[in-house]
Amino acid sequence: MKKVKSYRLLKETIKIIEEISQKTGKSQSRIIDEAIKFLINNENKTNNEIELYKKENEQLKMIIKVFQEREKALEKVEESYERLIKEKDERIKELQERLKERSKPFWKFW
């Protein structure tokens, strides 16, 4: 159902509507109607895209958190590995010292 309604538009806007009407052969009312429908659809599409980006952003945040936790775990493993290597080196040094002490001739203790 169509209803007659009047609106005030800028002269530039009226000129654009007239030009589009002449180029397409559509009535000026139809041009305005299509433009409004296009804006509504575009706004809905934009809102849907924003929601999608928000969801993707949340997923990316979770992935980053997983990688950060993984990095922390790897750092702990590396620290433990380095500590064990250091302990091993100290133990080897200690055992080498004991071996030196045991390899000394008995008579040198007197």
PDB file of N, CA and C in Angstrom:
ATOM      1  N   MET A   1       0.849  -1.176   0.000  1.00  0.00           N
ATOM      2  CA  MET A   1       0.000   0.000   0.000  1.00  0.00           C
ATOM      3  C   MET A   1       0.887   1.230   0.000  1.00  0.00           C
ATOM      4  N   LYS A   2       0.651   2.100  -0.941  1.00  0.00           N
ATOM      5  CA  LYS A   2       1.441   3.321  -1.046  1.00  0.00           C
ATOM      6  C   LYS A   2       0.711   4.460  -0.378  1.00  0.00           C
ATOM      7  N   LYS A   3       1.492   5.350   0.187  1.00  0.00           N
ATOM      8  CA  LYS A   3       0.943   6.482   0.908  1.00  0.00           C
ATOM      9  C   LYS A   3       1.705   7.717   0.466  1.00  0.00           C
ATOM     10  N   VAL A   4       1.037   8.829   0.322  1.00  0.00           N
ATOM     11  CA  VAL A   4       1.675  10.067  -0.107  1.00  0.00           C
ATOM     12  C   VAL A   4       2.246  10.755   1.122  1.00  0.00           C
ATOM     13  N   LYS A   5       3.526  11.107   1.019  1.00  0.00           N
ATOM     14  CA  LYS A   5       4.221  11.772   2.128  1.00  0.00           C
ATOM     15  C   LYS A   5       5.225  12.732   1.504  1.00  0.00           C
ATOM     16  N   SER A   6       5.439  13.869   2.093  1.00  0.00           N
ATOM     17  CA  SER A   6       6.418  14.807   1.523  1.00  0.00           C
ATOM     18  C   SER A   6       7.595  14.954   2.490  1.00  0.00           C
ATOM     19  N   TYR A   7       8.772  15.091   1.899  1.00  0.00           N
ATOM     20  CA  TYR A   7      10.003  15.270   2.675  1.00  0.00           C
ATOM     21  C   TYR A   7      10.797  16.408   2.084  1.00  0.00           C
ATOM     22  N   ARG A   8      11.602  17.028   2.899  1.00  0.00           N
ATOM     23  CA  ARG A   8      12.496  18.077   2.413  1.00  0.00           C
ATOM     24  C   ARG A   8      13.869  17.448   2.181  1.00  0.00           C
ATOM     25  N   LEU A   9      14.386  17.656   0.993  1.00  0.00           N
ATOM     26  CA  LEU A   9      15.682  17.114   0.628  1.00  0.00           C
ATOM     27  C   LEU A   9      16.586  18.241   0.146  1.00  0.00           C
ATOM     28  N   LEU A  10      17.870  17.992   0.238  1.00  0.00           N
ATOM     29  CA  LEU A  10      18.828  18.950  -0.304  1.00  0.00           C
ATOM     30  C   LEU A  10      18.695  18.998  -1.819  1.00  0.00           C
ATOM     31  N   LYS A  11      19.016  20.135  -2.394  1.00  0.00           N
ATOM     32  CA  LYS A  11      18.932  20.272  -3.850  1.00  0.00           C
ATOM     33  C   LYS A  11      19.827  19.259  -4.546  1.00  0.00           C
ATOM     34  N   GLU A  12      20.997  19.014  -3.971  1.00  0.00           N
ATOM     35  CA  GLU A  12      21.927  18.056  -4.564  1.00  0.00           C
ATOM     36  C   GLU A  12      21.326  16.646  -4.571  1.00  0.00           C
ATOM     37  N   THR A  13      20.637  16.309  -3.499  1.00  0.00           N
ATOM     38  CA  THR A  13      20.014  14.984  -3.393  1.00  0.00           C
ATOM     39  C   THR A  13      18.901  14.838  -4.428  1.00  0.00           C
ATOM     40  N   ILE A  14      18.099  15.872  -4.571  1.00  0.00           N
ATOM     41  CA  ILE A  14      17.014  15.854  -5.565  1.00  0.00           C
ATOM     42  C   ILE A  14      17.588  15.696  -6.961  1.00  0.00           C
ATOM     43  N   LYS A  15      18.664  16.401  -7.238  1.00  0.00           N
ATOM     44  CA  LYS A  15      19.300  16.321  -8.556  1.00  0.00           C
ATOM     45  C   LYS A  15      19.814  14.904  -8.824  1.00  0.00           C
ATOM     46  N   ILE A  16      20.418  14.289  -7.811  1.00  0.00           N
ATOM     47  CA  ILE A  16      20.922  12.917  -7.961  1.00  0.00           C
ATOM     48  C   ILE A  16      19.769  11.962  -8.232  1.00  0.00           C
ATOM     49  N   ILE A  17      18.669  12.104  -7.495  1.00  0.00           N
ATOM     50  CA  ILE A  17      17.499  11.236  -7.682  1.00  0.00           C
ATOM     51  C   ILE A  17      16.953  11.402  -9.098  1.00  0.00           C
ATOM     52  N   GLU A  18      16.867  12.634  -9.565  1.00  0.00           N
ATOM     53  CA  GLU A  18      16.365  12.891 -10.925  1.00  0.00           C
ATOM     54  C   GLU A  18      17.284  12.263 -11.970  1.00  0.00           C
ATOM     55  N   GLU A  19      18.591  12.388 -11.784  1.00  0.00           N
ATOM     56  CA  GLU A  19      19.546  11.819 -12.744  1.00  0.00           C
ATOM     57  C   GLU A  19      19.435  10.294 -12.794  1.00  0.00           C
ATOM     58  N   ILE A  20      19.352   9.677 -11.624  1.00  0.00           N
ATOM     59  CA  ILE A  20      19.230   8.209 -11.572  1.00  0.00           C
ATOM     60  C   ILE A  20      17.919   7.786 -12.235  1.00  0.00           C
ATOM     61  N   SER A  21      16.857   8.533 -11.991  1.00  0.00           N
ATOM     62  CA  SER A  21      15.558   8.224 -12.571  1.00  0.00           C
ATOM     63  C   SER A  21      15.625   8.285 -14.092  1.00  0.00           C
ATOM     64  N   GLN A  22      16.277   9.305 -14.609  1.00  0.00           N
ATOM     65  CA  GLN A  22      16.404   9.447 -16.064  1.00  0.00           C
ATOM     66  C   GLN A  22      17.260   8.328 -16.659  1.00  0.00           C
ATOM     67  N   LYS A  23      18.340   7.976 -15.990  1.00  0.00           N
ATOM     68  CA  LYS A  23      19.241   6.935 -16.505  1.00  0.00           C
ATOM     69  C   LYS A  23      18.583   5.558 -16.487  1.00  0.00           C
ATOM     70  N   THR A  24      17.841   5.279 -15.440  1.00  0.00           N
ATOM     71  CA  THR A  24      17.291   3.932 -15.268  1.00  0.00           C
ATOM     72  C   THR A  24      15.862   3.796 -15.784  1.00  0.00           C
ATOM     73  N   GLY A  25      15.167   4.911 -15.943  1.00  0.00           N
ATOM     74  CA  GLY A  25      13.767   4.854 -16.365  1.00  0.00           C
ATOM     75  C   GLY A  25      12.833   4.517 -15.217  1.00  0.00           C
ATOM     76  N   LYS A  26      13.339   4.494 -14.013  1.00  0.00           N
ATOM     77  CA  LYS A  26      12.511   4.219 -12.838  1.00  0.00           C
ATOM     78  C   LYS A  26      11.968   5.527 -12.289  1.00  0.00           C
ATOM     79  N   SER A  27      10.838   5.436 -11.603  1.00  0.00           N
ATOM     80  CA  SER A  27      10.271   6.651 -11.005  1.00  0.00           C
ATOM     81  C   SER A  27      11.146   7.104  -9.833  1.00  0.00           C
ATOM     82  N   GLN A  28      11.047   8.373  -9.527  1.00  0.00           N
ATOM     83  CA  GLN A  28      11.831   8.916  -8.420  1.00  0.00           C
ATOM     84  C   GLN A  28      11.416   8.273  -7.095  1.00  0.00           C
ATOM     85  N   SER A  29      10.158   7.974  -6.938  1.00  0.00           N
ATOM     86  CA  SER A  29       9.678   7.305  -5.724  1.00  0.00           C
ATOM     87  C   SER A  29      10.322   5.926  -5.592  1.00  0.00           C
ATOM     88  N   ARG A  30      10.393   5.230  -6.731  1.00  0.00           N
ATOM     89  CA  ARG A  30      10.998   3.899  -6.718  1.00  0.00           C
ATOM     90  C   ARG A  30      12.489   3.982  -6.384  1.00  0.00           C
ATOM     91  N   ILE A  31      13.156   4.998  -6.917  1.00  0.00           N
ATOM     92  CA  ILE A  31      14.585   5.192  -6.621  1.00  0.00           C
ATOM     93  C   ILE A  31      14.779   5.385  -5.123  1.00  0.00           C
ATOM     94  N   ILE A  32      13.959   6.228  -4.515  1.00  0.00           N
ATOM     95  CA  ILE A  32      14.061   6.488  -3.063  1.00  0.00           C
ATOM     96  C   ILE A  32      13.749   5.216  -2.286  1.00  0.00           C
ATOM     97  N   ASP A  33      12.701   4.503  -2.692  1.00  0.00           N
ATOM     98  CA  ASP A  33      12.314   3.252  -2.027  1.00  0.00           C
ATOM     99  C   ASP A  33      13.456   2.227  -2.088  1.00  0.00           C
ATOM    100  N   GLU A  34      14.061   2.055  -3.261  1.00  0.00           N
ATOM    101  CA  GLU A  34      15.163   1.105  -3.422  1.00  0.00           C
ATOM    102  C   GLU A  34      16.384   1.528  -2.616  1.00  0.00           C
ATOM    103  N   ALA A  35      16.636   2.839  -2.577  1.00  0.00           N
ATOM    104  CA  ALA A  35      17.786   3.337  -1.817  1.00  0.00           C
ATOM    105  C   ALA A  35      17.618   3.053  -0.323  1.00  0.00           C
ATOM    106  N   ILE A  36      16.400   3.244   0.170  1.00  0.00           N
ATOM    107  CA  ILE A  36      16.142   2.983   1.594  1.00  0.00           C
ATOM    108  C   ILE A  36      16.270   1.494   1.902  1.00  0.00           C
ATOM    109  N   LYS A  37      15.720   0.649   1.017  1.00  0.00           N
ATOM    110  CA  LYS A  37      15.838  -0.796   1.213  1.00  0.00           C
ATOM    111  C   LYS A  37      17.308  -1.228   1.176  1.00  0.00           C
ATOM    112  N   PHE A  38      18.053  -0.626   0.258  1.00  0.00           N
ATOM    113  CA  PHE A  38      19.486  -0.929   0.166  1.00  0.00           C
ATOM    114  C   PHE A  38      20.202  -0.545   1.458  1.00  0.00           C
ATOM    115  N   LEU A  39      19.883   0.629   2.004  1.00  0.00           N
ATOM    116  CA  LEU A  39      20.503   1.068   3.256  1.00  0.00           C
ATOM    117  C   LEU A  39      20.167   0.121   4.410  1.00  0.00           C
ATOM    118  N   ILE A  40      18.915  -0.309   4.475  1.00  0.00           N
ATOM    119  CA  ILE A  40      18.501  -1.224   5.544  1.00  0.00           C
ATOM    120  C   ILE A  40      19.241  -2.553   5.415  1.00  0.00           C
ATOM    121  N   ASN A  41      19.277  -3.100   4.188  1.00  0.00           N
ATOM    122  CA  ASN A  41      19.979  -4.368   3.967  1.00  0.00           C
ATOM    123  C   ASN A  41      21.466  -4.231   4.272  1.00  0.00           C
ATOM    124  N   ASN A  42      22.019  -3.115   3.859  1.00  0.00           N
ATOM    125  CA  ASN A  42      23.452  -2.884   4.091  1.00  0.00           C
ATOM    126  C   ASN A  42      23.744  -2.756   5.587  1.00  0.00           C
ATOM    127  N   GLU A  43      22.848  -2.098   6.320  1.00  0.00           N
ATOM    128  CA  GLU A  43      23.032  -1.953   7.762  1.00  0.00           C
ATOM    129  C   GLU A  43      22.945  -3.315   8.452  1.00  0.00           C
ATOM    130  N   ASN A  44      21.971  -4.130   8.028  1.00  0.00           N
ATOM    131  CA  ASN A  44      21.843  -5.477   8.603  1.00  0.00           C
ATOM    132  C   ASN A  44      23.081  -6.306   8.300  1.00  0.00           C
ATOM    133  N   LYS A  45      23.549  -6.200   7.059  1.00  0.00           N
ATOM    134  CA  LYS A  45      24.754  -6.933   6.663  1.00  0.00           C
ATOM    135  C   LYS A  45      25.944  -6.472   7.493  1.00  0.00           C
ATOM    136  N   THR A  46      26.065  -5.162   7.679  1.00  0.00           N
ATOM    137  CA  THR A  46      27.156  -4.610   8.478  1.00  0.00           C
ATOM    138  C   THR A  46      27.080  -5.101   9.920  1.00  0.00           C
ATOM    139  N   ASN A  47      25.877  -5.101  10.486  1.00  0.00           N
ATOM    140  CA  ASN A  47      25.708  -5.588  11.863  1.00  0.00           C
ATOM    141  C   ASN A  47      26.073  -7.060  11.972  1.00  0.00           C
ATOM    142  N   ASN A  48      25.661  -7.845  10.974  1.00  0.00           N
ATOM    143  CA  ASN A  48      26.010  -9.267  10.971  1.00  0.00           C
ATOM    144  C   ASN A  48      27.522  -9.458  10.852  1.00  0.00           C
ATOM    145  N   GLU A  49      28.153  -8.650  10.008  1.00  0.00           N
ATOM    146  CA  GLU A  49      29.614  -8.738   9.862  1.00  0.00           C
ATOM    147  C   GLU A  49      30.316  -8.357  11.159  1.00  0.00           C
ATOM    148  N   ILE A  50      29.800  -7.337  11.825  1.00  0.00           N
ATOM    149  CA  ILE A  50      30.389  -6.913  13.103  1.00  0.00           C
ATOM    150  C   ILE A  50      30.281  -8.047  14.124  1.00  0.00           C
ATOM    151  N   GLU A  51      29.122  -8.691  14.201  1.00  0.00           N
ATOM    152  CA  GLU A  51      28.950  -9.818  15.119  1.00  0.00           C
ATOM    153  C   GLU A  51      29.902 -10.957  14.778  1.00  0.00           C
ATOM    154  N   LEU A  52      30.049 -11.222  13.482  1.00  0.00           N
ATOM    155  CA  LEU A  52      30.969 -12.271  13.045  1.00  0.00           C
ATOM    156  C   LEU A  52      32.404 -11.917  13.448  1.00  0.00           C
ATOM    157  N   TYR A  53      32.793 -10.659  13.236  1.00  0.00           N
ATOM    158  CA  TYR A  53      34.144 -10.225  13.614  1.00  0.00           C
ATOM    159  C   TYR A  53      34.356 -10.322  15.119  1.00  0.00           C
ATOM    160  N   LYS A  54      33.316 -10.013  15.892  1.00  0.00           N
ATOM    161  CA  LYS A  54      33.429 -10.133  17.347  1.00  0.00           C
ATOM    162  C   LYS A  54      33.667 -11.587  17.749  1.00  0.00           C
ATOM    163  N   LYS A  55      32.906 -12.510  17.131  1.00  0.00           N
ATOM    164  CA  LYS A  55      33.074 -13.930  17.436  1.00  0.00           C
ATOM    165  C   LYS A  55      34.470 -14.409  17.031  1.00  0.00           C
ATOM    166  N   GLU A  56      34.894 -13.996  15.830  1.00  0.00           N
ATOM    167  CA  GLU A  56      36.233 -14.379  15.369  1.00  0.00           C
ATOM    168  C   GLU A  56      37.301 -13.809  16.286  1.00  0.00           C
ATOM    169  N   ASN A  57      37.091 -12.580  16.745  1.00  0.00           N
ATOM    170  CA  ASN A  57      38.044 -11.943  17.657  1.00  0.00           C
ATOM    171  C   ASN A  57      38.147 -12.724  18.959  1.00  0.00           C
ATOM    172  N   GLU A  58      37.012 -13.175  19.488  1.00  0.00           N
ATOM    173  CA  GLU A  58      37.021 -13.976  20.711  1.00  0.00           C
ATOM    174  C   GLU A  58      37.758 -15.296  20.492  1.00  0.00           C
ATOM    175  N   GLN A  59      37.521 -15.912  19.336  1.00  0.00           N
ATOM    176  CA  GLN A  59      38.216 -17.160  19.029  1.00  0.00           C
ATOM    177  C   GLN A  59      39.721 -16.931  18.926  1.00  0.00           C
ATOM    178  N   LEU A  60      40.107 -15.844  18.291  1.00  0.00           N
ATOM    179  CA  LEU A  60      41.531 -15.533  18.167  1.00  0.00           C
ATOM    180  C   LEU A  60      42.156 -15.267  19.533  1.00  0.00           C
ATOM    181  N   LYS A  61      41.416 -14.599  20.400  1.00  0.00           N
ATOM    182  CA  LYS A  61      41.914 -14.358  21.756  1.00  0.00           C
ATOM    183  C   LYS A  61      42.156 -15.685  22.482  1.00  0.00           C
ATOM    184  N   MET A  62      41.222 -16.632  22.310  1.00  0.00           N
ATOM    185  CA  MET A  62      41.386 -17.930  22.959  1.00  0.00           C
ATOM    186  C   MET A  62      42.596 -18.661  22.389  1.00  0.00           C
ATOM    187  N   ILE A  63      42.781 -18.595  21.079  1.00  0.00           N
ATOM    188  CA  ILE A  63      43.926 -19.242  20.450  1.00  0.00           C
ATOM    189  C   ILE A  63      45.227 -18.626  20.947  1.00  0.00           C
ATOM    190  N   ILE A  64      45.258 -17.304  21.038  1.00  0.00           N
ATOM    191  CA  ILE A  64      46.457 -16.617  21.541  1.00  0.00           C
ATOM    192  C   ILE A  64      46.741 -17.045  22.967  1.00  0.00           C
ATOM    193  N   LYS A  65      45.691 -17.157  23.779  1.00  0.00           N
ATOM    194  CA  LYS A  65      45.867 -17.580  25.169  1.00  0.00           C
ATOM    195  C   LYS A  65      46.456 -18.987  25.232  1.00  0.00           C
ATOM    196  N   VAL A  66      45.958 -19.880  24.368  1.00  0.00           N
ATOM    197  CA  VAL A  66      46.495 -21.247  24.325  1.00  0.00           C
ATOM    198  C   VAL A  66      47.974 -21.223  23.965  1.00  0.00           C
ATOM    199  N   PHE A  67      48.329 -20.424  22.954  1.00  0.00           N
ATOM    200  CA  PHE A  67      49.733 -20.343  22.557  1.00  0.00           C
ATOM    201  C   PHE A  67      50.596 -19.728  23.663  1.00  0.00           C
ATOM    202  N   GLN A  68      50.060 -18.747  24.376  1.00  0.00           N
ATOM    203  CA  GLN A  68      50.810 -18.152  25.483  1.00  0.00           C
ATOM    204  C   GLN A  68      51.033 -19.177  26.587  1.00  0.00           C
ATOM    205  N   GLU A  69      50.008 -19.949  26.901  1.00  0.00           N
ATOM    206  CA  GLU A  69      50.147 -20.996  27.910  1.00  0.00           C
ATOM    207  C   GLU A  69      51.155 -22.042  27.456  1.00  0.00           C
ATOM    208  N   ARG A  70      51.103 -22.388  26.179  1.00  0.00           N
ATOM    209  CA  ARG A  70      52.058 -23.351  25.619  1.00  0.00           C
ATOM    210  C   ARG A  70      53.478 -22.804  25.733  1.00  0.00           C
ATOM    211  N   GLU A  71      53.638 -21.524  25.446  1.00  0.00           N
ATOM    212  CA  GLU A  71      54.958 -20.887  25.530  1.00  0.00           C
ATOM    213  C   GLU A  71      55.472 -20.918  26.972  1.00  0.00           C
ATOM    214  N   LYS A  72      54.584 -20.640  27.921  1.00  0.00           N
ATOM    215  CA  LYS A  72      54.978 -20.700  29.329  1.00  0.00           C
ATOM    216  C   LYS A  72      55.404 -22.117  29.710  1.00  0.00           C
ATOM    217  N   ALA A  73      54.640 -23.103  29.254  1.00  0.00           N
ATOM    218  CA  ALA A  73      54.971 -24.497  29.551  1.00  0.00           C
ATOM    219  C   ALA A  73      56.326 -24.859  28.953  1.00  0.00           C
ATOM    220  N   LEU A  74      56.574 -24.422  27.728  1.00  0.00           N
ATOM    221  CA  LEU A  74      57.866 -24.699  27.093  1.00  0.00           C
ATOM    222  C   LEU A  74      59.011 -24.034  27.856  1.00  0.00           C
ATOM    223  N   GLU A  75      58.772 -22.820  28.342  1.00  0.00           N
ATOM    224  CA  GLU A  75      59.798 -22.126  29.132  1.00  0.00           C
ATOM    225  C   GLU A  75      60.102 -22.905  30.410  1.00  0.00           C
ATOM    226  N   LYS A  76      59.061 -23.429  31.056  1.00  0.00           N
ATOM    227  CA  LYS A  76      59.268 -24.218  32.269  1.00  0.00           C
ATOM    228  C   LYS A  76      60.057 -25.479  31.965  1.00  0.00           C
ATOM    229  N   VAL A  77      59.723 -26.127  30.842  1.00  0.00           N
ATOM    230  CA  VAL A  77      60.451 -27.328  30.450  1.00  0.00           C
ATOM    231  C   VAL A  77      61.916 -26.984  30.198  1.00  0.00           C
ATOM    232  N   GLU A  78      62.159 -25.879  29.491  1.00  0.00           N
ATOM    233  CA  GLU A  78      63.537 -25.459  29.218  1.00  0.00           C
ATOM    234  C   GLU A  78      64.288 -25.152  30.510  1.00  0.00           C
ATOM    235  N   GLU A  79      63.613 -24.469  31.440  1.00  0.00           N
ATOM    236  CA  GLU A  79      64.243 -24.159  32.725  1.00  0.00           C
ATOM    237  C   GLU A  79      64.585 -25.444  33.476  1.00  0.00           C
ATOM    238  N   SER A  80      63.644 -26.387  33.485  1.00  0.00           N
ATOM    239  CA  SER A  80      63.894 -27.664  34.158  1.00  0.00           C
ATOM    240  C   SER A  80      65.039 -28.405  33.489  1.00  0.00           C
ATOM    241  N   TYR A  81      65.065 -28.382  32.174  1.00  0.00           N
ATOM    242  CA  TYR A  81      66.125 -29.048  31.428  1.00  0.00           C
ATOM    243  C   TYR A  81      67.480 -28.425  31.771  1.00  0.00           C
ATOM    244  N   GLU A  82      67.534 -27.108  31.763  1.00  0.00           N
ATOM    245  CA  GLU A  82      68.790 -26.420  32.082  1.00  0.00           C
ATOM    246  C   GLU A  82      69.227 -26.717  33.519  1.00  0.00           C
ATOM    247  N   ARG A  83      68.257 -26.738  34.438  1.00  0.00           N
ATOM    248  CA  ARG A  83      68.577 -27.044  35.835  1.00  0.00           C
ATOM    249  C   ARG A  83      69.118 -28.468  35.957  1.00  0.00           C
ATOM    250  N   LEU A  84      68.480 -29.407  35.258  1.00  0.00           N
ATOM    251  CA  LEU A  84      68.945 -30.796  35.302  1.00  0.00           C
ATOM    252  C   LEU A  84      70.340 -30.931  34.692  1.00  0.00           C
ATOM    253  N   ILE A  85      70.598 -30.231  33.614  1.00  0.00           N
ATOM    254  CA  ILE A  85      71.923 -30.264  32.990  1.00  0.00           C
ATOM    255  C   ILE A  85      72.964 -29.713  33.965  1.00  0.00           C
ATOM    256  N   LYS A  86      72.608 -28.627  34.637  1.00  0.00           N
ATOM    257  CA  LYS A  86      73.527 -28.031  35.605  1.00  0.00           C
ATOM    258  C   LYS A  86      73.788 -29.002  36.759  1.00  0.00           C
ATOM    259  N   GLU A  87      72.721 -29.618  37.256  1.00  0.00           N
ATOM    260  CA  GLU A  87      72.880 -30.601  38.342  1.00  0.00           C
ATOM    261  C   GLU A  87      73.730 -31.782  37.881  1.00  0.00           C
ATOM    262  N   LYS A  88      73.503 -32.239  36.656  1.00  0.00           N
ATOM    263  CA  LYS A  88      74.288 -33.339  36.092  1.00  0.00           C
ATOM    264  C   LYS A  88      75.762 -32.952  36.016  1.00  0.00           C
ATOM    265  N   ASP A  89      76.034 -31.740  35.518  1.00  0.00           N
ATOM    266  CA  ASP A  89      77.418 -31.275  35.411  1.00  0.00           C
ATOM    267  C   ASP A  89      78.083 -31.206  36.791  1.00  0.00           C
ATOM    268  N   GLU A  90      77.324 -30.709  37.779  1.00  0.00           N
ATOM    269  CA  GLU A  90      77.869 -30.632  39.135  1.00  0.00           C
ATOM    270  C   GLU A  90      78.131 -32.027  39.693  1.00  0.00           C
ATOM    271  N   ARG A  91      77.219 -32.935  39.441  1.00  0.00           N
ATOM    272  CA  ARG A  91      77.388 -34.318  39.908  1.00  0.00           C
ATOM    273  C   ARG A  91      78.606 -34.967  39.250  1.00  0.00           C
ATOM    274  N   ILE A  92      78.768 -34.748  37.941  1.00  0.00           N
ATOM    275  CA  ILE A  92      79.931 -35.289  37.232  1.00  0.00           C
ATOM    276  C   ILE A  92      81.212 -34.722  37.824  1.00  0.00           C
ATOM    277  N   LYS A  93      81.207 -33.424  38.088  1.00  0.00           N
ATOM    278  CA  LYS A  93      82.390 -32.784  38.672  1.00  0.00           C
ATOM    279  C   LYS A  93      82.698 -33.388  40.044  1.00  0.00           C
ATOM    280  N   GLU A  94      81.657 -33.566  40.834  1.00  0.00           N
ATOM    281  CA  GLU A  94      81.815 -34.157  42.160  1.00  0.00           C
ATOM    282  C   GLU A  94      82.391 -35.575  42.058  1.00  0.00           C
ATOM    283  N   LEU A  95      81.833 -36.355  41.133  1.00  0.00           N
ATOM    284  CA  LEU A  95      82.319 -37.726  40.966  1.00  0.00           C
ATOM    285  C   LEU A  95      83.759 -37.752  40.448  1.00  0.00           C
ATOM    286  N   GLN A  96      84.104 -36.826  39.597  1.00  0.00           N
ATOM    287  CA  GLN A  96      85.482 -36.744  39.103  1.00  0.00           C
ATOM    288  C   GLN A  96      86.449 -36.410  40.244  1.00  0.00           C
ATOM    289  N   GLU A  97      86.015 -35.533  41.132  1.00  0.00           N
ATOM    290  CA  GLU A  97      86.840 -35.185  42.295  1.00  0.00           C
ATOM    291  C   GLU A  97      87.024 -36.413  43.188  1.00  0.00           C
ATOM    292  N   ARG A  98      85.970 -37.158  43.408  1.00  0.00           N
ATOM    293  CA  ARG A  98      86.075 -38.372  44.211  1.00  0.00           C
ATOM    294  C   ARG A  98      87.013 -39.380  43.560  1.00  0.00           C
ATOM    295  N   LEU A  99      86.895 -39.501  42.247  1.00  0.00           N
ATOM    296  CA  LEU A  99      87.755 -40.427  41.516  1.00  0.00           C
ATOM    297  C   LEU A  99      89.215 -40.014  41.640  1.00  0.00           C
ATOM    298  N   LYS A 100      89.467 -38.715  41.588  1.00  0.00           N
ATOM    299  CA  LYS A 100      90.841 -38.222  41.757  1.00  0.00           C
ATOM    300  C   LYS A 100      91.366 -38.596  43.137  1.00  0.00           C
ATOM    301  N   GLU A 101      90.514 -38.387  44.119  1.00  0.00           N
ATOM    302  CA  GLU A 101      90.920 -38.708  45.483  1.00  0.00           C
ATOM    303  C   GLU A 101      91.199 -40.205  45.637  1.00  0.00           C
ATOM    304  N   ARG A 102      90.403 -41.030  45.050  1.00  0.00           N
ATOM    305  CA  ARG A 102      90.585 -42.473  45.164  1.00  0.00           C
ATOM    306  C   ARG A 102      91.769 -42.971  44.337  1.00  0.00           C
ATOM    307  N   SER A 103      92.077 -42.256  43.255  1.00  0.00           N
ATOM    308  CA  SER A 103      93.179 -42.718  42.406  1.00  0.00           C
ATOM    309  C   SER A 103      94.542 -42.311  42.958  1.00  0.00           C
ATOM    310  N   LYS A 104      94.572 -41.494  43.963  1.00  0.00           N
ATOM    311  CA  LYS A 104      95.870 -41.132  44.553  1.00  0.00           C
ATOM    312  C   LYS A 104      96.454 -42.370  45.224  1.00  0.00           C
ATOM    313  N   PRO A 105      97.728 -42.531  45.112  1.00  0.00           N
ATOM    314  CA  PRO A 105      98.357 -43.670  45.793  1.00  0.00           C
ATOM    315  C   PRO A 105      98.135 -43.571  47.301  1.00  0.00           C
ATOM    316  N   PHE A 106      98.006 -44.687  47.878  1.00  0.00           N
ATOM    317  CA  PHE A 106      97.745 -44.767  49.314  1.00  0.00           C
ATOM    318  C   PHE A 106      98.842 -44.114  50.137  1.00  0.00           C
ATOM    319  N   TRP A 107     100.080 -44.325  49.779  1.00  0.00           N
ATOM    320  CA  TRP A 107     101.216 -43.854  50.559  1.00  0.00           C
ATOM    321  C   TRP A 107     101.346 -42.351  50.578  1.00  0.00           C
ATOM    322  N   LYS A 108     100.671 -41.583  49.639  1.00  0.00           N
ATOM    323  CA  LYS A 108     100.786 -40.128  49.633  1.00  0.00           C
ATOM    324  C   LYS A 108      99.972 -39.488  50.755  1.00  0.00           C
ATOM    325  N   PHE A 109      99.099 -40.264  51.379  1.00  0.00           N
ATOM    326  CA  PHE A 109      98.317 -39.693  52.483  1.00  0.00           C
ATOM    327  C   PHE A 109      99.167 -39.560  53.739  1.00  0.00           C
ATOM    328  N   TRP A 110     100.273 -40.249  53.834  1.00  0.00           N
ATOM    329  CA  TRP A 110     101.072 -40.251  55.047  1.00  0.00           C
ATOM    330  C   TRP A 110     102.038 -39.186  55.048  1.00  0.00           C
TER     331      TRP A 110
END
